[in-house]
N, C-alpha and C. Protein backbone atom coordinates (compact mmCIF):
# COMPACT_ATOMS: atom_id res chain seq x y z
N MET A 1 0.85 -1.19 0.00
CA MET A 1 0.00 0.00 0.00
C MET A 1 0.89 1.25 0.00
N SER A 2 0.65 2.16 -0.94
CA SER A 2 1.45 3.38 -1.03
C SER A 2 1.13 4.33 0.12
N LYS A 3 2.03 5.26 0.30
CA LYS A 3 1.84 6.27 1.37
C LYS A 3 0.55 7.05 1.13
N LEU A 4 0.27 7.40 -0.14
CA LEU A 4 -0.96 8.12 -0.45
C LEU A 4 -2.19 7.28 -0.13
N GLU A 5 -2.13 5.98 -0.40
CA GLU A 5 -3.26 5.09 -0.09
C GLU A 5 -3.52 5.08 1.41
N GLU A 6 -2.43 5.03 2.19
CA GLU A 6 -2.58 5.03 3.66
C GLU A 6 -3.22 6.33 4.12
N ASN A 7 -2.77 7.45 3.55
CA ASN A 7 -3.26 8.76 3.97
C ASN A 7 -4.69 9.03 3.48
N LYS A 8 -5.10 8.35 2.42
CA LYS A 8 -6.45 8.51 1.87
C LYS A 8 -7.51 8.24 2.94
N ASN A 9 -7.30 7.19 3.72
CA ASN A 9 -8.27 6.85 4.77
C ASN A 9 -8.36 7.94 5.83
N VAL A 10 -7.22 8.55 6.16
CA VAL A 10 -7.20 9.63 7.14
C VAL A 10 -7.97 10.83 6.58
N VAL A 11 -7.72 11.18 5.32
CA VAL A 11 -8.40 12.31 4.68
C VAL A 11 -9.91 12.06 4.65
N GLU A 12 -10.29 10.84 4.30
CA GLU A 12 -11.72 10.50 4.22
C GLU A 12 -12.39 10.65 5.59
N GLU A 13 -11.72 10.18 6.61
CA GLU A 13 -12.24 10.29 7.98
C GLU A 13 -12.40 11.75 8.39
N ILE A 14 -11.40 12.56 8.09
CA ILE A 14 -11.43 13.99 8.45
C ILE A 14 -12.53 14.71 7.68
N PHE A 15 -12.63 14.45 6.37
CA PHE A 15 -13.67 15.12 5.58
C PHE A 15 -15.06 14.73 6.06
N LYS A 16 -15.26 13.47 6.36
CA LYS A 16 -16.56 13.00 6.84
C LYS A 16 -16.95 13.73 8.12
N GLU A 17 -16.01 13.82 9.06
CA GLU A 17 -16.28 14.49 10.33
C GLU A 17 -16.53 15.98 10.13
N LEU A 18 -15.67 16.63 9.33
CA LEU A 18 -15.79 18.07 9.10
C LEU A 18 -17.09 18.41 8.37
N SER A 19 -17.42 17.65 7.34
CA SER A 19 -18.64 17.94 6.58
C SER A 19 -19.88 17.73 7.47
N GLY A 20 -19.83 16.76 8.36
CA GLY A 20 -20.93 16.55 9.29
C GLY A 20 -21.09 17.72 10.25
N LYS A 21 -19.95 18.24 10.73
CA LYS A 21 -20.00 19.35 11.69
C LYS A 21 -20.52 20.64 11.07
N ILE A 22 -20.25 20.84 9.75
CA ILE A 22 -20.73 22.07 9.14
C ILE A 22 -22.05 21.86 8.39
N GLY A 23 -22.62 20.66 8.53
CA GLY A 23 -23.95 20.40 8.01
C GLY A 23 -24.04 20.22 6.50
N LEU A 24 -22.96 19.78 5.88
CA LEU A 24 -23.00 19.54 4.44
C LEU A 24 -23.73 18.25 4.14
N GLU A 25 -24.65 18.32 3.21
CA GLU A 25 -25.34 17.11 2.76
C GLU A 25 -24.94 16.89 1.31
N VAL A 26 -23.80 16.24 1.13
CA VAL A 26 -23.24 16.02 -0.20
C VAL A 26 -22.83 14.56 -0.33
N SER A 27 -22.69 14.11 -1.58
CA SER A 27 -22.07 12.80 -1.77
C SER A 27 -20.65 13.06 -2.25
N TYR A 28 -19.74 12.18 -1.87
CA TYR A 28 -18.34 12.43 -2.20
C TYR A 28 -17.59 11.11 -2.31
N GLU A 29 -16.44 11.20 -2.95
CA GLU A 29 -15.54 10.07 -3.07
C GLU A 29 -14.13 10.59 -2.86
N VAL A 30 -13.36 9.90 -2.06
CA VAL A 30 -11.96 10.26 -1.82
C VAL A 30 -11.10 9.27 -2.60
N VAL A 31 -10.24 9.81 -3.48
CA VAL A 31 -9.41 8.95 -4.33
C VAL A 31 -7.96 9.42 -4.31
N VAL A 32 -7.06 8.51 -4.62
CA VAL A 32 -5.64 8.85 -4.75
C VAL A 32 -5.41 9.35 -6.17
N ASP A 33 -4.76 10.50 -6.29
CA ASP A 33 -4.41 11.10 -7.59
C ASP A 33 -2.90 10.99 -7.74
N GLU A 34 -2.45 9.85 -8.29
CA GLU A 34 -1.01 9.59 -8.42
C GLU A 34 -0.33 10.64 -9.29
N GLU A 35 -1.01 11.07 -10.37
CA GLU A 35 -0.42 12.04 -11.31
C GLU A 35 -0.01 13.33 -10.60
N ASN A 36 -0.85 13.81 -9.70
CA ASN A 36 -0.58 15.05 -8.98
C ASN A 36 0.00 14.81 -7.58
N GLU A 37 0.26 13.54 -7.27
CA GLU A 37 0.75 13.17 -5.95
C GLU A 37 -0.09 13.81 -4.86
N ALA A 38 -1.39 13.54 -4.94
CA ALA A 38 -2.35 14.17 -4.04
C ALA A 38 -3.48 13.21 -3.72
N ILE A 39 -4.28 13.64 -2.77
CA ILE A 39 -5.52 12.94 -2.46
C ILE A 39 -6.65 13.88 -2.89
N LYS A 40 -7.54 13.35 -3.71
CA LYS A 40 -8.58 14.16 -4.31
C LYS A 40 -9.92 13.82 -3.68
N ILE A 41 -10.67 14.85 -3.34
CA ILE A 41 -12.03 14.67 -2.82
C ILE A 41 -12.98 15.18 -3.91
N GLU A 42 -13.69 14.24 -4.53
CA GLU A 42 -14.67 14.56 -5.57
C GLU A 42 -16.03 14.69 -4.90
N ILE A 43 -16.60 15.89 -4.97
CA ILE A 43 -17.86 16.16 -4.28
C ILE A 43 -18.97 16.46 -5.27
N GLU A 44 -20.12 15.84 -5.08
CA GLU A 44 -21.34 16.20 -5.81
C GLU A 44 -22.21 16.94 -4.81
N ALA A 45 -22.35 18.25 -5.03
CA ALA A 45 -22.99 19.09 -4.02
C ALA A 45 -24.35 19.62 -4.42
N GLY A 46 -24.72 19.49 -5.68
CA GLY A 46 -26.03 19.99 -6.10
C GLY A 46 -26.20 21.47 -5.79
N ASP A 47 -27.28 21.80 -5.05
CA ASP A 47 -27.56 23.20 -4.77
C ASP A 47 -26.62 23.82 -3.72
N GLN A 48 -25.74 23.02 -3.12
CA GLN A 48 -24.77 23.55 -2.17
C GLN A 48 -23.41 23.84 -2.83
N ALA A 49 -23.33 23.61 -4.15
CA ALA A 49 -22.06 23.78 -4.86
C ALA A 49 -21.52 25.21 -4.74
N GLY A 50 -22.36 26.19 -4.99
CA GLY A 50 -21.92 27.59 -4.92
C GLY A 50 -21.39 27.95 -3.54
N LEU A 51 -22.05 27.46 -2.53
CA LEU A 51 -21.63 27.70 -1.16
C LEU A 51 -20.25 27.09 -0.90
N LEU A 52 -20.04 25.88 -1.39
CA LEU A 52 -18.76 25.20 -1.18
C LEU A 52 -17.63 25.80 -2.01
N ILE A 53 -17.93 26.26 -3.21
CA ILE A 53 -16.91 26.82 -4.08
C ILE A 53 -16.56 28.24 -3.65
N GLY A 54 -17.55 29.05 -3.40
CA GLY A 54 -17.31 30.43 -3.00
C GLY A 54 -16.93 31.30 -4.19
N ASN A 55 -16.64 32.56 -3.91
CA ASN A 55 -16.26 33.52 -4.93
C ASN A 55 -14.89 33.16 -5.50
N ARG A 56 -14.85 32.83 -6.81
CA ARG A 56 -13.60 32.48 -7.50
C ARG A 56 -12.85 31.32 -6.81
N GLY A 57 -13.60 30.45 -6.15
CA GLY A 57 -12.99 29.27 -5.53
C GLY A 57 -12.39 29.50 -4.16
N GLU A 58 -12.61 30.67 -3.58
CA GLU A 58 -11.99 31.01 -2.29
C GLU A 58 -12.35 30.00 -1.19
N THR A 59 -13.63 29.65 -1.09
CA THR A 59 -14.05 28.72 -0.04
C THR A 59 -13.45 27.34 -0.29
N LEU A 60 -13.44 26.93 -1.53
CA LEU A 60 -12.87 25.64 -1.91
C LEU A 60 -11.39 25.56 -1.52
N TYR A 61 -10.62 26.59 -1.87
CA TYR A 61 -9.20 26.62 -1.54
C TYR A 61 -8.97 26.65 -0.02
N SER A 62 -9.82 27.38 0.67
CA SER A 62 -9.70 27.45 2.13
C SER A 62 -9.99 26.08 2.76
N LEU A 63 -11.01 25.41 2.26
CA LEU A 63 -11.36 24.08 2.77
C LEU A 63 -10.21 23.10 2.54
N GLN A 64 -9.60 23.19 1.36
CA GLN A 64 -8.43 22.34 1.08
C GLN A 64 -7.32 22.58 2.10
N THR A 65 -7.06 23.85 2.37
CA THR A 65 -6.00 24.21 3.31
C THR A 65 -6.31 23.70 4.71
N VAL A 66 -7.55 23.88 5.16
CA VAL A 66 -7.94 23.44 6.50
C VAL A 66 -7.79 21.92 6.61
N ILE A 67 -8.28 21.19 5.62
CA ILE A 67 -8.17 19.73 5.66
C ILE A 67 -6.71 19.32 5.64
N GLY A 68 -5.91 19.98 4.80
CA GLY A 68 -4.48 19.69 4.75
C GLY A 68 -3.80 19.90 6.09
N MET A 69 -4.17 20.97 6.78
CA MET A 69 -3.57 21.27 8.10
C MET A 69 -3.98 20.23 9.14
N ILE A 70 -5.25 19.82 9.12
CA ILE A 70 -5.72 18.80 10.07
C ILE A 70 -4.99 17.49 9.81
N VAL A 71 -4.85 17.12 8.53
CA VAL A 71 -4.13 15.89 8.18
C VAL A 71 -2.69 15.97 8.66
N MET A 72 -2.04 17.12 8.42
CA MET A 72 -0.64 17.28 8.84
C MET A 72 -0.51 17.12 10.36
N ASN A 73 -1.41 17.72 11.10
CA ASN A 73 -1.36 17.59 12.56
C ASN A 73 -1.60 16.15 13.01
N LYS A 74 -2.40 15.43 12.25
CA LYS A 74 -2.73 14.06 12.63
C LYS A 74 -1.63 13.06 12.28
N ILE A 75 -1.00 13.21 11.09
CA ILE A 75 -0.01 12.22 10.66
C ILE A 75 1.43 12.74 10.65
N GLY A 76 1.60 14.06 10.84
CA GLY A 76 2.95 14.61 10.95
C GLY A 76 3.64 14.94 9.64
N GLU A 77 2.91 14.91 8.53
CA GLU A 77 3.51 15.30 7.25
C GLU A 77 2.45 15.93 6.35
N TRP A 78 2.92 16.78 5.43
CA TRP A 78 2.01 17.49 4.54
C TRP A 78 1.54 16.55 3.44
N VAL A 79 0.25 16.56 3.17
CA VAL A 79 -0.35 15.79 2.10
C VAL A 79 -1.11 16.78 1.22
N ARG A 80 -0.87 16.73 -0.08
CA ARG A 80 -1.57 17.63 -1.00
C ARG A 80 -3.01 17.17 -1.14
N ILE A 81 -3.95 18.08 -0.88
CA ILE A 81 -5.38 17.80 -0.97
C ILE A 81 -5.95 18.60 -2.14
N ILE A 82 -6.72 17.94 -2.99
CA ILE A 82 -7.40 18.62 -4.10
C ILE A 82 -8.89 18.33 -3.95
N ILE A 83 -9.68 19.40 -3.89
CA ILE A 83 -11.13 19.24 -3.79
C ILE A 83 -11.76 19.72 -5.09
N ASN A 84 -12.64 18.90 -5.65
CA ASN A 84 -13.34 19.22 -6.87
C ASN A 84 -14.84 19.13 -6.59
N VAL A 85 -15.52 20.25 -6.71
CA VAL A 85 -16.96 20.30 -6.45
C VAL A 85 -17.70 20.39 -7.78
N ASP A 86 -18.55 19.39 -8.05
CA ASP A 86 -19.35 19.36 -9.28
C ASP A 86 -18.53 19.71 -10.51
N ASP A 87 -17.32 19.17 -10.60
CA ASP A 87 -16.39 19.35 -11.72
C ASP A 87 -15.94 20.80 -11.92
N TRP A 88 -16.13 21.67 -10.94
CA TRP A 88 -15.72 23.07 -11.06
C TRP A 88 -14.20 23.15 -11.31
N ARG A 89 -13.43 22.37 -10.57
CA ARG A 89 -11.97 22.44 -10.71
C ARG A 89 -11.55 21.98 -12.11
N ASP A 90 -12.21 20.96 -12.64
CA ASP A 90 -11.88 20.48 -13.99
C ASP A 90 -12.14 21.58 -15.03
N ARG A 91 -13.28 22.25 -14.89
CA ARG A 91 -13.60 23.35 -15.81
C ARG A 91 -12.61 24.49 -15.66
N GLN A 92 -12.22 24.76 -14.42
CA GLN A 92 -11.24 25.81 -14.13
C GLN A 92 -9.88 25.47 -14.78
N GLU A 93 -9.50 24.22 -14.67
CA GLU A 93 -8.23 23.76 -15.25
C GLU A 93 -8.25 23.90 -16.78
N GLU A 94 -9.37 23.54 -17.41
CA GLU A 94 -9.49 23.71 -18.86
C GLU A 94 -9.39 25.17 -19.25
N ARG A 95 -10.02 26.04 -18.48
CA ARG A 95 -9.96 27.48 -18.76
C ARG A 95 -8.53 27.99 -18.66
N LEU A 96 -7.80 27.55 -17.62
CA LEU A 96 -6.42 27.99 -17.42
C LEU A 96 -5.49 27.44 -18.51
N GLU A 97 -5.75 26.22 -18.96
CA GLU A 97 -4.95 25.66 -20.05
C GLU A 97 -5.18 26.46 -21.33
N GLY A 98 -6.41 26.89 -21.57
CA GLY A 98 -6.71 27.76 -22.71
C GLY A 98 -6.01 29.10 -22.59
N LEU A 99 -6.03 29.66 -21.39
CA LEU A 99 -5.34 30.93 -21.14
C LEU A 99 -3.84 30.77 -21.40
N ALA A 100 -3.28 29.65 -20.97
CA ALA A 100 -1.85 29.37 -21.18
C ALA A 100 -1.52 29.35 -22.67
N THR A 101 -2.33 28.66 -23.44
CA THR A 101 -2.12 28.55 -24.89
C THR A 101 -2.22 29.91 -25.56
N GLN A 102 -3.27 30.66 -25.23
CA GLN A 102 -3.47 32.00 -25.82
C GLN A 102 -2.31 32.92 -25.48
N THR A 103 -1.88 32.89 -24.22
CA THR A 103 -0.81 33.78 -23.78
C THR A 103 0.51 33.40 -24.43
N ALA A 104 0.76 32.11 -24.59
CA ALA A 104 1.97 31.64 -25.27
C ALA A 104 1.96 32.11 -26.72
N GLU A 105 0.82 31.99 -27.38
CA GLU A 105 0.70 32.46 -28.76
C GLU A 105 0.97 33.95 -28.87
N ARG A 106 0.44 34.72 -27.92
CA ARG A 106 0.66 36.17 -27.91
C ARG A 106 2.14 36.48 -27.71
N ALA A 107 2.80 35.75 -26.82
CA ALA A 107 4.24 35.95 -26.57
C ALA A 107 5.04 35.67 -27.84
N LEU A 108 4.66 34.62 -28.57
CA LEU A 108 5.37 34.28 -29.81
C LEU A 108 5.09 35.30 -30.91
N GLU A 109 3.86 35.79 -31.00
CA GLU A 109 3.49 36.78 -32.02
C GLU A 109 4.21 38.11 -31.81
N THR A 110 4.27 38.54 -30.55
CA THR A 110 4.86 39.85 -30.25
C THR A 110 6.36 39.76 -29.98
N GLY A 111 6.84 38.57 -29.64
CA GLY A 111 8.25 38.43 -29.28
C GLY A 111 8.56 38.96 -27.88
N GLU A 112 7.51 39.32 -27.15
CA GLU A 112 7.69 39.91 -25.81
C GLU A 112 7.10 38.98 -24.74
N GLU A 113 7.68 39.06 -23.55
CA GLU A 113 7.13 38.26 -22.45
C GLU A 113 5.75 38.77 -22.09
N GLN A 114 4.93 37.85 -21.65
CA GLN A 114 3.57 38.17 -21.21
C GLN A 114 3.47 37.82 -19.73
N ARG A 115 2.82 38.67 -18.97
CA ARG A 115 2.68 38.44 -17.53
C ARG A 115 1.23 38.17 -17.17
N LEU A 116 1.04 37.20 -16.29
CA LEU A 116 -0.29 36.88 -15.78
C LEU A 116 -0.29 37.13 -14.28
N TYR A 117 -1.20 37.99 -13.83
CA TYR A 117 -1.27 38.38 -12.43
C TYR A 117 -2.48 37.73 -11.75
N ASN A 118 -2.52 37.87 -10.44
CA ASN A 118 -3.67 37.44 -9.63
C ASN A 118 -3.99 35.96 -9.75
N LEU A 119 -2.96 35.13 -9.83
CA LEU A 119 -3.16 33.69 -9.87
C LEU A 119 -2.70 33.08 -8.56
N LYS A 120 -3.41 32.10 -8.11
CA LYS A 120 -2.98 31.33 -6.94
C LYS A 120 -1.87 30.39 -7.38
N ALA A 121 -1.11 29.88 -6.41
CA ALA A 121 -0.01 28.97 -6.72
C ALA A 121 -0.49 27.78 -7.54
N SER A 122 -1.64 27.22 -7.18
CA SER A 122 -2.15 26.05 -7.91
C SER A 122 -2.52 26.42 -9.36
N GLN A 123 -2.97 27.65 -9.57
CA GLN A 123 -3.31 28.09 -10.92
C GLN A 123 -2.03 28.31 -11.74
N ARG A 124 -1.01 28.89 -11.12
CA ARG A 124 0.27 29.05 -11.81
C ARG A 124 0.83 27.68 -12.20
N ARG A 125 0.70 26.72 -11.30
CA ARG A 125 1.20 25.36 -11.56
C ARG A 125 0.51 24.75 -12.78
N ILE A 126 -0.79 24.94 -12.91
CA ILE A 126 -1.53 24.41 -14.05
C ILE A 126 -0.98 25.00 -15.35
N ILE A 127 -0.71 26.29 -15.35
CA ILE A 127 -0.18 26.95 -16.55
C ILE A 127 1.23 26.47 -16.85
N HIS A 128 2.07 26.37 -15.82
CA HIS A 128 3.43 25.82 -16.03
C HIS A 128 3.34 24.43 -16.67
N MET A 129 2.48 23.58 -16.13
CA MET A 129 2.35 22.20 -16.62
C MET A 129 1.79 22.17 -18.04
N ALA A 130 0.84 23.07 -18.35
CA ALA A 130 0.24 23.11 -19.68
C ALA A 130 1.25 23.48 -20.75
N LEU A 131 2.25 24.28 -20.38
CA LEU A 131 3.23 24.75 -21.37
C LEU A 131 4.57 24.03 -21.26
N LYS A 132 4.67 23.06 -20.38
CA LYS A 132 5.92 22.34 -20.14
C LYS A 132 6.49 21.72 -21.41
N GLU A 133 5.63 21.17 -22.24
CA GLU A 133 6.08 20.47 -23.47
C GLU A 133 6.27 21.42 -24.65
N ASN A 134 5.86 22.68 -24.51
CA ASN A 134 5.99 23.65 -25.59
C ASN A 134 7.45 24.07 -25.70
N LYS A 135 8.09 23.74 -26.82
CA LYS A 135 9.53 24.00 -26.99
C LYS A 135 9.82 25.44 -27.41
N LYS A 136 8.76 26.22 -27.69
CA LYS A 136 8.96 27.59 -28.16
C LYS A 136 8.88 28.64 -27.06
N VAL A 137 8.27 28.26 -25.91
CA VAL A 137 8.13 29.23 -24.82
C VAL A 137 8.63 28.64 -23.51
N GLU A 138 8.91 29.53 -22.58
CA GLU A 138 9.27 29.10 -21.22
C GLU A 138 8.43 29.89 -20.24
N THR A 139 8.23 29.31 -19.06
CA THR A 139 7.42 29.96 -18.03
C THR A 139 8.27 30.12 -16.78
N GLU A 140 7.92 31.14 -16.01
CA GLU A 140 8.64 31.40 -14.76
C GLU A 140 7.72 32.19 -13.83
N SER A 141 7.75 31.85 -12.56
CA SER A 141 7.02 32.64 -11.57
C SER A 141 8.00 33.66 -10.99
N SER A 142 7.55 34.90 -10.87
CA SER A 142 8.39 35.98 -10.34
C SER A 142 7.63 36.73 -9.26
N GLY A 143 8.37 37.52 -8.49
CA GLY A 143 7.76 38.31 -7.44
C GLY A 143 7.62 37.50 -6.16
N GLU A 144 7.13 38.15 -5.14
CA GLU A 144 6.99 37.52 -3.83
C GLU A 144 5.58 37.71 -3.28
N GLY A 145 5.14 36.73 -2.52
CA GLY A 145 3.86 36.83 -1.80
C GLY A 145 2.70 37.16 -2.71
N ARG A 146 1.92 38.17 -2.32
CA ARG A 146 0.73 38.57 -3.08
C ARG A 146 1.09 39.18 -4.43
N ASP A 147 2.33 39.62 -4.58
CA ASP A 147 2.77 40.25 -5.83
C ASP A 147 3.38 39.24 -6.81
N ARG A 148 3.25 37.96 -6.52
CA ARG A 148 3.80 36.93 -7.38
C ARG A 148 2.98 36.84 -8.67
N TYR A 149 3.66 36.68 -9.79
CA TYR A 149 3.00 36.59 -11.08
C TYR A 149 3.73 35.58 -11.96
N LEU A 150 3.11 35.22 -13.07
CA LEU A 150 3.68 34.23 -13.96
C LEU A 150 4.10 34.91 -15.26
N VAL A 151 5.28 34.56 -15.74
CA VAL A 151 5.81 35.12 -16.98
C VAL A 151 5.87 34.00 -18.03
N ILE A 152 5.36 34.31 -19.21
CA ILE A 152 5.49 33.40 -20.35
C ILE A 152 6.26 34.17 -21.42
N ARG A 153 7.39 33.60 -21.86
CA ARG A 153 8.21 34.31 -22.85
C ARG A 153 8.71 33.34 -23.92
N PRO A 154 8.99 33.91 -25.10
CA PRO A 154 9.58 33.05 -26.14
C PRO A 154 10.96 32.58 -25.68
N LYS A 155 11.29 31.32 -26.00
CA LYS A 155 12.63 30.82 -25.66
C LYS A 155 13.64 31.47 -26.58
N LYS A 156 14.79 31.76 -26.01
CA LYS A 156 15.87 32.34 -26.81
C LYS A 156 16.42 31.25 -27.73
N LYS A 157 16.75 31.65 -28.94
CA LYS A 157 17.26 30.66 -29.91
C LYS A 157 18.73 30.43 -29.76
């Protein structure tokens, strides 16, 4: 049994308890996401989806962080938690991959670096991964804290 498989049961137990305490009536499945080295909680929330996702995913990201912190306190190590409510995260990922492609094309057309602001670390990661195989552009995160942004630029020849 892999480390993620072992931790999956802990995450499931924590989510079940937490969702009960906050009165969530949702169906969910906790699965190991080997590709992202994470534990994923797939939630079908129906009319509670908006409440769980929040404005631009703020509630969703906060819930991930809280569950991650509880897991860390319980097992002594950080485990990456990904929560997907009614496929919102999948749609978000597709949108970001499209943004990555468009921005890379703009960088190649203009020959100038393009900057993307106001992205969370997980969103920057999706864009980095989407352009990883593109041999014509490179990506880099710059800045610190809240001022961190992503740069997409043509590769030097």
